[in-house]
Amino acid sequence: MKTNMGVVDRLVRIAAAAAIVVLYCLEVISGVWAVVLGIVAVVFIVTSFIGFCPLYVPFRISTKKKPKPSP
């Protein structure tokens, strides 16, 4: 499994997951929305730590920077 997520992509996902957790703790979200967004937050955190997003594969998306060629 090759990584396909760049640093900025990972940081944005972690920030979004943290925002979801804060909204849940402040009781802004509850019920079904809390469960759905909680699952999304877990997926964001897992994909951020492994650096691979399976949803990017069929679309051939990669936010990872390509290495600069050596002169």
PDB file of N, CA and C in Angstrom:
ATOM      1  N   MET A   1       0.839  -1.169   0.000  1.00  0.00           N
ATOM      2  CA  MET A   1       0.000   0.000   0.000  1.00  0.00           C
ATOM      3  C   MET A   1       0.891   1.240   0.000  1.00  0.00           C
ATOM      4  N   LYS A   2       0.831   2.002  -1.073  1.00  0.00           N
ATOM      5  CA  LYS A   2       1.616   3.226  -1.171  1.00  0.00           C
ATOM      6  C   LYS A   2       0.831   4.375  -0.551  1.00  0.00           C
ATOM      7  N   THR A   3       1.557   5.254   0.110  1.00  0.00           N
ATOM      8  CA  THR A   3       0.882   6.416   0.682  1.00  0.00           C
ATOM      9  C   THR A   3       0.436   7.344  -0.442  1.00  0.00           C
ATOM     10  N   ASN A   4      -0.716   7.948  -0.273  1.00  0.00           N
ATOM     11  CA  ASN A   4      -1.227   8.864  -1.287  1.00  0.00           C
ATOM     12  C   ASN A   4      -1.757  10.163  -0.672  1.00  0.00           C
ATOM     13  N   MET A   5      -1.347  10.424   0.572  1.00  0.00           N
ATOM     14  CA  MET A   5      -1.783  11.636   1.247  1.00  0.00           C
ATOM     15  C   MET A   5      -0.588  12.492   1.644  1.00  0.00           C
ATOM     16  N   GLY A   6      -0.676  13.769   1.321  1.00  0.00           N
ATOM     17  CA  GLY A   6       0.378  14.700   1.691  1.00  0.00           C
ATOM     18  C   GLY A   6       0.203  15.205   3.114  1.00  0.00           C
ATOM     19  N   VAL A   7       1.151  15.981   3.558  1.00  0.00           N
ATOM     20  CA  VAL A   7       1.156  16.498   4.926  1.00  0.00           C
ATOM     21  C   VAL A   7      -0.042  17.420   5.167  1.00  0.00           C
ATOM     22  N   VAL A   8      -0.320  18.307   4.237  1.00  0.00           N
ATOM     23  CA  VAL A   8      -1.431  19.241   4.410  1.00  0.00           C
ATOM     24  C   VAL A   8      -2.755  18.480   4.484  1.00  0.00           C
ATOM     25  N   ASP A   9      -2.928  17.490   3.634  1.00  0.00           N
ATOM     26  CA  ASP A   9      -4.133  16.667   3.639  1.00  0.00           C
ATOM     27  C   ASP A   9      -4.309  15.984   4.997  1.00  0.00           C
ATOM     28  N   ARG A  10      -3.234  15.458   5.531  1.00  0.00           N
ATOM     29  CA  ARG A  10      -3.294  14.790   6.835  1.00  0.00           C
ATOM     30  C   ARG A  10      -3.668  15.771   7.937  1.00  0.00           C
ATOM     31  N   LEU A  11      -3.048  16.948   7.923  1.00  0.00           N
ATOM     32  CA  LEU A  11      -3.330  17.946   8.960  1.00  0.00           C
ATOM     33  C   LEU A  11      -4.771  18.443   8.902  1.00  0.00           C
ATOM     34  N   VAL A  12      -5.293  18.623   7.699  1.00  0.00           N
ATOM     35  CA  VAL A  12      -6.681  19.065   7.546  1.00  0.00           C
ATOM     36  C   VAL A  12      -7.634  18.008   8.093  1.00  0.00           C
ATOM     37  N   ARG A  13      -7.352  16.739   7.815  1.00  0.00           N
ATOM     38  CA  ARG A  13      -8.203  15.657   8.319  1.00  0.00           C
ATOM     39  C   ARG A  13      -8.158  15.572   9.845  1.00  0.00           C
ATOM     40  N   ILE A  14      -6.977  15.731  10.414  1.00  0.00           N
ATOM     41  CA  ILE A  14      -6.860  15.692  11.875  1.00  0.00           C
ATOM     42  C   ILE A  14      -7.594  16.882  12.496  1.00  0.00           C
ATOM     43  N   ALA A  15      -7.476  18.059  11.883  1.00  0.00           N
ATOM     44  CA  ALA A  15      -8.179  19.243  12.388  1.00  0.00           C
ATOM     45  C   ALA A  15      -9.699  19.053  12.286  1.00  0.00           C
ATOM     46  N   ALA A  16     -10.176  18.470  11.194  1.00  0.00           N
ATOM     47  CA  ALA A  16     -11.612  18.225  11.040  1.00  0.00           C
ATOM     48  C   ALA A  16     -12.101  17.232  12.091  1.00  0.00           C
ATOM     49  N   ALA A  17     -11.318  16.183  12.328  1.00  0.00           N
ATOM     50  CA  ALA A  17     -11.691  15.193  13.343  1.00  0.00           C
ATOM     51  C   ALA A  17     -11.721  15.843  14.726  1.00  0.00           C
ATOM     52  N   ALA A  18     -10.753  16.704  15.012  1.00  0.00           N
ATOM     53  CA  ALA A  18     -10.721  17.391  16.302  1.00  0.00           C
ATOM     54  C   ALA A  18     -11.935  18.311  16.445  1.00  0.00           C
ATOM     55  N   ALA A  19     -12.323  18.975  15.366  1.00  0.00           N
ATOM     56  CA  ALA A  19     -13.494  19.853  15.408  1.00  0.00           C
ATOM     57  C   ALA A  19     -14.764  19.045  15.688  1.00  0.00           C
ATOM     58  N   ILE A  20     -14.868  17.867  15.096  1.00  0.00           N
ATOM     59  CA  ILE A  20     -16.022  17.009  15.342  1.00  0.00           C
ATOM     60  C   ILE A  20     -16.067  16.591  16.806  1.00  0.00           C
ATOM     61  N   VAL A  21     -14.917  16.240  17.363  1.00  0.00           N
ATOM     62  CA  VAL A  21     -14.861  15.845  18.780  1.00  0.00           C
ATOM     63  C   VAL A  21     -15.270  17.010  19.675  1.00  0.00           C
ATOM     64  N   VAL A  22     -14.792  18.196  19.376  1.00  0.00           N
ATOM     65  CA  VAL A  22     -15.146  19.378  20.170  1.00  0.00           C
ATOM     66  C   VAL A  22     -16.652  19.645  20.080  1.00  0.00           C
ATOM     67  N   LEU A  23     -17.216  19.559  18.883  1.00  0.00           N
ATOM     68  CA  LEU A  23     -18.657  19.772  18.724  1.00  0.00           C
ATOM     69  C   LEU A  23     -19.459  18.748  19.520  1.00  0.00           C
ATOM     70  N   TYR A  24     -18.974  17.514  19.549  1.00  0.00           N
ATOM     71  CA  TYR A  24     -19.657  16.475  20.325  1.00  0.00           C
ATOM     72  C   TYR A  24     -19.556  16.767  21.824  1.00  0.00           C
ATOM     73  N   CYS A  25     -18.378  17.144  22.273  1.00  0.00           N
ATOM     74  CA  CYS A  25     -18.171  17.419  23.703  1.00  0.00           C
ATOM     75  C   CYS A  25     -18.980  18.623  24.173  1.00  0.00           C
ATOM     76  N   LEU A  26     -19.165  19.596  23.287  1.00  0.00           N
ATOM     77  CA  LEU A  26     -19.965  20.776  23.629  1.00  0.00           C
ATOM     78  C   LEU A  26     -21.457  20.532  23.408  1.00  0.00           C
ATOM     79  N   GLU A  27     -21.814  19.321  23.032  1.00  0.00           N
ATOM     80  CA  GLU A  27     -23.191  18.913  22.785  1.00  0.00           C
ATOM     81  C   GLU A  27     -23.875  19.725  21.690  1.00  0.00           C
ATOM     82  N   VAL A  28     -23.086  20.167  20.725  1.00  0.00           N
ATOM     83  CA  VAL A  28     -23.642  20.850  19.563  1.00  0.00           C
ATOM     84  C   VAL A  28     -24.247  19.812  18.620  1.00  0.00           C
ATOM     85  N   ILE A  29     -23.614  18.660  18.528  1.00  0.00           N
ATOM     86  CA  ILE A  29     -24.152  17.567  17.721  1.00  0.00           C
ATOM     87  C   ILE A  29     -24.535  16.423  18.651  1.00  0.00           C
ATOM     88  N   SER A  30     -25.605  15.748  18.288  1.00  0.00           N
ATOM     89  CA  SER A  30     -26.045  14.612  19.099  1.00  0.00           C
ATOM     90  C   SER A  30     -26.868  13.677  18.226  1.00  0.00           C
ATOM     91  N   GLY A  31     -27.205  12.533  18.783  1.00  0.00           N
ATOM     92  CA  GLY A  31     -28.042  11.575  18.081  1.00  0.00           C
ATOM     93  C   GLY A  31     -27.347  10.948  16.892  1.00  0.00           C
ATOM     94  N   VAL A  32     -28.101  10.795  15.819  1.00  0.00           N
ATOM     95  CA  VAL A  32     -27.598  10.135  14.608  1.00  0.00           C
ATOM     96  C   VAL A  32     -26.425  10.920  14.016  1.00  0.00           C
ATOM     97  N   TRP A  33     -26.536  12.244  14.013  1.00  0.00           N
ATOM     98  CA  TRP A  33     -25.449  13.061  13.473  1.00  0.00           C
ATOM     99  C   TRP A  33     -24.152  12.851  14.232  1.00  0.00           C
ATOM    100  N   ALA A  34     -24.245  12.705  15.521  1.00  0.00           N
ATOM    101  CA  ALA A  34     -23.050  12.475  16.337  1.00  0.00           C
ATOM    102  C   ALA A  34     -22.404  11.147  15.981  1.00  0.00           C
ATOM    103  N   VAL A  35     -23.226  10.128  15.777  1.00  0.00           N
ATOM    104  CA  VAL A  35     -22.692   8.814  15.416  1.00  0.00           C
ATOM    105  C   VAL A  35     -22.040   8.860  14.043  1.00  0.00           C
ATOM    106  N   VAL A  36     -22.728   9.432  13.067  1.00  0.00           N
ATOM    107  CA  VAL A  36     -22.190   9.504  11.703  1.00  0.00           C
ATOM    108  C   VAL A  36     -20.901  10.315  11.674  1.00  0.00           C
ATOM    109  N   LEU A  37     -20.912  11.483  12.295  1.00  0.00           N
ATOM    110  CA  LEU A  37     -19.711  12.319  12.304  1.00  0.00           C
ATOM    111  C   LEU A  37     -18.600  11.694  13.141  1.00  0.00           C
ATOM    112  N   GLY A  38     -18.958  10.941  14.167  1.00  0.00           N
ATOM    113  CA  GLY A  38     -17.946  10.217  14.943  1.00  0.00           C
ATOM    114  C   GLY A  38     -17.231   9.181  14.100  1.00  0.00           C
ATOM    115  N   ILE A  39     -17.991   8.470  13.281  1.00  0.00           N
ATOM    116  CA  ILE A  39     -17.384   7.486  12.369  1.00  0.00           C
ATOM    117  C   ILE A  39     -16.483   8.192  11.367  1.00  0.00           C
ATOM    118  N   VAL A  40     -16.940   9.316  10.828  1.00  0.00           N
ATOM    119  CA  VAL A  40     -16.124  10.092   9.892  1.00  0.00           C
ATOM    120  C   VAL A  40     -14.834  10.546  10.567  1.00  0.00           C
ATOM    121  N   ALA A  41     -14.926  10.994  11.813  1.00  0.00           N
ATOM    122  CA  ALA A  41     -13.737  11.441  12.544  1.00  0.00           C
ATOM    123  C   ALA A  41     -12.743  10.308  12.738  1.00  0.00           C
ATOM    124  N   VAL A  42     -13.233   9.123  13.070  1.00  0.00           N
ATOM    125  CA  VAL A  42     -12.348   7.964  13.237  1.00  0.00           C
ATOM    126  C   VAL A  42     -11.674   7.616  11.918  1.00  0.00           C
ATOM    127  N   VAL A  43     -12.430   7.632  10.826  1.00  0.00           N
ATOM    128  CA  VAL A  43     -11.852   7.342   9.505  1.00  0.00           C
ATOM    129  C   VAL A  43     -10.790   8.382   9.159  1.00  0.00           C
ATOM    130  N   PHE A  44     -11.076   9.653   9.420  1.00  0.00           N
ATOM    131  CA  PHE A  44     -10.097  10.709   9.151  1.00  0.00           C
ATOM    132  C   PHE A  44      -8.808  10.482   9.928  1.00  0.00           C
ATOM    133  N   ILE A  45      -8.923  10.136  11.193  1.00  0.00           N
ATOM    134  CA  ILE A  45      -7.728   9.941  12.014  1.00  0.00           C
ATOM    135  C   ILE A  45      -6.936   8.725  11.544  1.00  0.00           C
ATOM    136  N   VAL A  46      -7.629   7.627  11.271  1.00  0.00           N
ATOM    137  CA  VAL A  46      -6.935   6.409  10.818  1.00  0.00           C
ATOM    138  C   VAL A  46      -6.223   6.651   9.495  1.00  0.00           C
ATOM    139  N   THR A  47      -6.922   7.244   8.533  1.00  0.00           N
ATOM    140  CA  THR A  47      -6.292   7.477   7.229  1.00  0.00           C
ATOM    141  C   THR A  47      -5.141   8.480   7.344  1.00  0.00           C
ATOM    142  N   SER A  48      -5.256   9.433   8.264  1.00  0.00           N
ATOM    143  CA  SER A  48      -4.169  10.397   8.455  1.00  0.00           C
ATOM    144  C   SER A  48      -2.913   9.727   8.987  1.00  0.00           C
ATOM    145  N   PHE A  49      -3.083   8.813   9.933  1.00  0.00           N
ATOM    146  CA  PHE A  49      -1.916   8.159  10.515  1.00  0.00           C
ATOM    147  C   PHE A  49      -1.268   7.150   9.580  1.00  0.00           C
ATOM    148  N   ILE A  50      -2.059   6.475   8.744  1.00  0.00           N
ATOM    149  CA  ILE A  50      -1.444   5.520   7.819  1.00  0.00           C
ATOM    150  C   ILE A  50      -1.035   6.176   6.509  1.00  0.00           C
ATOM    151  N   GLY A  51      -1.555   7.376   6.229  1.00  0.00           N
ATOM    152  CA  GLY A  51      -1.157   8.104   5.034  1.00  0.00           C
ATOM    153  C   GLY A  51      -1.747   7.565   3.753  1.00  0.00           C
ATOM    154  N   PHE A  52      -2.817   6.792   3.873  1.00  0.00           N
ATOM    155  CA  PHE A  52      -3.430   6.181   2.694  1.00  0.00           C
ATOM    156  C   PHE A  52      -4.935   6.355   2.762  1.00  0.00           C
ATOM    157  N   CYS A  53      -5.517   6.854   1.671  1.00  0.00           N
ATOM    158  CA  CYS A  53      -6.957   7.007   1.585  1.00  0.00           C
ATOM    159  C   CYS A  53      -7.473   6.093   0.465  1.00  0.00           C
ATOM    160  N   PRO A  54      -8.232   5.050   0.807  1.00  0.00           N
ATOM    161  CA  PRO A  54      -8.721   4.132  -0.210  1.00  0.00           C
ATOM    162  C   PRO A  54      -9.651   4.797  -1.229  1.00  0.00           C
ATOM    163  N   LEU A  55     -10.321   5.868  -0.837  1.00  0.00           N
ATOM    164  CA  LEU A  55     -11.219   6.556  -1.756  1.00  0.00           C
ATOM    165  C   LEU A  55     -10.454   7.258  -2.880  1.00  0.00           C
ATOM    166  N   TYR A  56      -9.206   7.590  -2.653  1.00  0.00           N
ATOM    167  CA  TYR A  56      -8.396   8.251  -3.674  1.00  0.00           C
ATOM    168  C   TYR A  56      -7.983   7.299  -4.795  1.00  0.00           C
ATOM    169  N   VAL A  57      -7.896   6.016  -4.517  1.00  0.00           N
ATOM    170  CA  VAL A  57      -7.366   5.037  -5.476  1.00  0.00           C
ATOM    171  C   VAL A  57      -8.167   4.978  -6.772  1.00  0.00           C
ATOM    172  N   PRO A  58      -9.502   4.785  -6.746  1.00  0.00           N
ATOM    173  CA  PRO A  58     -10.217   4.675  -8.020  1.00  0.00           C
ATOM    174  C   PRO A  58     -10.168   5.955  -8.856  1.00  0.00           C
ATOM    175  N   PHE A  59      -9.961   7.087  -8.201  1.00  0.00           N
ATOM    176  CA  PHE A  59      -9.893   8.362  -8.913  1.00  0.00           C
ATOM    177  C   PHE A  59      -8.463   8.774  -9.247  1.00  0.00           C
ATOM    178  N   ARG A  60      -7.508   7.940  -8.850  1.00  0.00           N
ATOM    179  CA  ARG A  60      -6.078   8.184  -9.081  1.00  0.00           C
ATOM    180  C   ARG A  60      -5.642   9.550  -8.539  1.00  0.00           C
ATOM    181  N   ILE A  61      -6.096   9.849  -7.339  1.00  0.00           N
ATOM    182  CA  ILE A  61      -5.753  11.112  -6.673  1.00  0.00           C
ATOM    183  C   ILE A  61      -4.601  10.859  -5.722  1.00  0.00           C
ATOM    184  N   SER A  62      -3.671  11.787  -5.677  1.00  0.00           N
ATOM    185  CA  SER A  62      -2.600  11.749  -4.700  1.00  0.00           C
ATOM    186  C   SER A  62      -2.267  13.182  -4.306  1.00  0.00           C
ATOM    187  N   THR A  63      -2.317  13.456  -3.009  1.00  0.00           N
ATOM    188  CA  THR A  63      -1.969  14.784  -2.534  1.00  0.00           C
ATOM    189  C   THR A  63      -0.537  14.823  -2.024  1.00  0.00           C
ATOM    190  N   LYS A  64       0.140  13.710  -2.169  1.00  0.00           N
ATOM    191  CA  LYS A  64       1.532  13.610  -1.733  1.00  0.00           C
ATOM    192  C   LYS A  64       2.426  14.285  -2.770  1.00  0.00           C
ATOM    193  N   LYS A  65       3.386  15.058  -2.277  1.00  0.00           N
ATOM    194  CA  LYS A  65       4.311  15.717  -3.185  1.00  0.00           C
ATOM    195  C   LYS A  65       5.207  14.696  -3.851  1.00  0.00           C
ATOM    196  N   LYS A  66       5.437  14.912  -5.125  1.00  0.00           N
ATOM    197  CA  LYS A  66       6.352  14.037  -5.851  1.00  0.00           C
ATOM    198  C   LYS A  66       7.777  14.455  -5.564  1.00  0.00           C
ATOM    199  N   PRO A  67       8.684  13.509  -5.404  1.00  0.00           N
ATOM    200  CA  PRO A  67      10.076  13.880  -5.129  1.00  0.00           C
ATOM    201  C   PRO A  67      10.691  14.615  -6.321  1.00  0.00           C
ATOM    202  N   LYS A  68      11.532  15.588  -5.991  1.00  0.00           N
ATOM    203  CA  LYS A  68      12.201  16.346  -7.042  1.00  0.00           C
ATOM    204  C   LYS A  68      13.262  15.467  -7.683  1.00  0.00           C
ATOM    205  N   PRO A  69      13.354  15.510  -9.003  1.00  0.00           N
ATOM    206  CA  PRO A  69      14.388  14.689  -9.670  1.00  0.00           C
ATOM    207  C   PRO A  69      15.782  15.231  -9.367  1.00  0.00           C
ATOM    208  N   SER A  70      16.712  14.339  -9.217  1.00  0.00           N
ATOM    209  CA  SER A  70      18.096  14.727  -8.956  1.00  0.00           C
ATOM    210  C   SER A  70      18.729  15.241 -10.235  1.00  0.00           C
ATOM    211  N   PRO A  71      19.561  16.283 -10.109  1.00  0.00           N
ATOM    212  CA  PRO A  71      20.209  16.826 -11.323  1.00  0.00           C
ATOM    213  C   PRO A  71      21.262  15.916 -11.888  1.00  0.00           C
TER     214      PRO A  71
END
